[in-house]
Amino acid sequence: MPHDIIVYSTPSCPYCHMAKDYLDSKNIAFTDKNVAIDEDASEEMVKKSGQMGVPVIEIDGKVIIGFDRGAIDELLK
């Protein structure tokens, strides 16, 4: 069953690239929202996470702050 995944990121964030590369390496589809240019996505991210920093990863409604491979794997089980 596919997961509903959103990665809130910026182009200059190395951890954002690591998170997206990790999901790509597992052939997992996700929506990338660039909060540097998308003000609505930025506001959405802050509402969901309380965080201004990226990456923020949402998997099936659960939020992960930062690139946490273990937390990602746990939610993808």
Protein backbone atom coordinates (compact mmCIF):
# COMPACT_ATOMS: atom_id res chain seq x y z
CA MET A 1 0.00 0.00 0.00
CA PRO A 2 1.49 3.36 -0.99
CA HIS A 3 2.23 5.91 1.69
CA ASP A 4 1.21 9.56 1.62
CA ILE A 5 4.54 11.37 2.00
CA ILE A 6 5.37 15.08 1.89
CA VAL A 7 8.90 16.43 2.24
CA TYR A 8 9.05 20.12 3.13
CA SER A 9 12.44 21.31 1.96
CA THR A 10 14.63 24.05 0.48
CA PRO A 11 17.05 23.68 -2.43
CA SER A 12 20.07 24.67 -0.31
CA CYS A 13 19.44 22.24 2.57
CA PRO A 14 21.84 19.25 2.53
CA TYR A 15 19.65 17.21 4.92
CA CYS A 16 16.66 17.78 2.64
CA HIS A 17 18.65 16.33 -0.26
CA MET A 18 19.70 13.38 1.92
CA ALA A 19 16.08 12.69 2.91
CA LYS A 20 14.82 12.86 -0.67
CA ASP A 21 17.73 10.74 -1.94
CA TYR A 22 16.98 8.16 0.76
CA LEU A 23 13.31 7.93 -0.27
CA ASP A 24 14.35 7.76 -3.94
CA SER A 25 16.80 4.93 -3.15
CA LYS A 26 13.89 2.93 -1.73
CA ASN A 27 11.71 3.77 -4.76
CA ILE A 28 9.20 5.53 -2.53
CA ALA A 29 7.09 8.26 -4.12
CA PHE A 30 6.75 11.56 -2.27
CA THR A 31 5.63 15.13 -2.81
CA ASP A 32 8.39 17.71 -2.44
CA LYS A 33 7.26 21.12 -1.24
CA ASN A 34 9.88 23.85 -1.61
CA VAL A 35 9.17 26.15 1.33
CA ALA A 36 11.73 28.68 0.07
CA ILE A 37 9.37 29.73 -2.74
CA ASP A 38 5.98 28.34 -1.68
CA GLU A 39 4.61 30.50 1.13
CA ASP A 40 1.50 28.34 1.57
CA ALA A 41 3.67 25.21 1.97
CA SER A 42 5.85 27.06 4.49
CA GLU A 43 2.82 28.03 6.58
CA GLU A 44 1.45 24.48 6.30
CA MET A 45 4.78 23.06 7.51
CA VAL A 46 4.92 25.37 10.53
CA LYS A 47 1.30 24.55 11.47
CA LYS A 48 1.97 20.81 11.31
CA SER A 49 5.39 20.77 12.98
CA GLY A 50 5.84 23.98 14.93
CA GLN A 51 9.22 24.19 13.19
CA MET A 52 10.79 26.71 10.84
CA GLY A 53 13.75 24.46 9.98
CA VAL A 54 13.81 21.87 7.22
CA PRO A 55 13.46 19.11 6.37
CA VAL A 56 10.09 18.27 7.82
CA ILE A 57 8.79 14.94 6.57
CA GLU A 58 5.17 13.90 6.88
CA ILE A 59 4.37 10.22 6.39
CA ASP A 60 0.70 9.22 6.56
CA GLY A 61 -0.06 12.21 8.79
CA LYS A 62 2.86 11.66 11.20
CA VAL A 63 5.57 14.33 11.28
CA ILE A 64 9.33 13.76 11.45
CA ILE A 65 11.57 16.74 12.16
CA GLY A 66 14.87 16.55 10.30
CA PHE A 67 16.35 13.62 8.41
CA ASP A 68 15.87 10.66 10.77
CA ARG A 69 16.40 7.45 8.81
CA GLY A 70 15.20 5.26 11.70
CA ALA A 71 11.97 7.21 12.13
CA ILE A 72 11.35 7.12 8.38
CA ASP A 73 11.91 3.36 8.26
CA GLU A 74 9.61 2.86 11.25
CA LEU A 75 6.73 4.75 9.62
CA LEU A 76 7.22 2.96 6.30
CA LYS A 77 6.84 -0.53 7.81
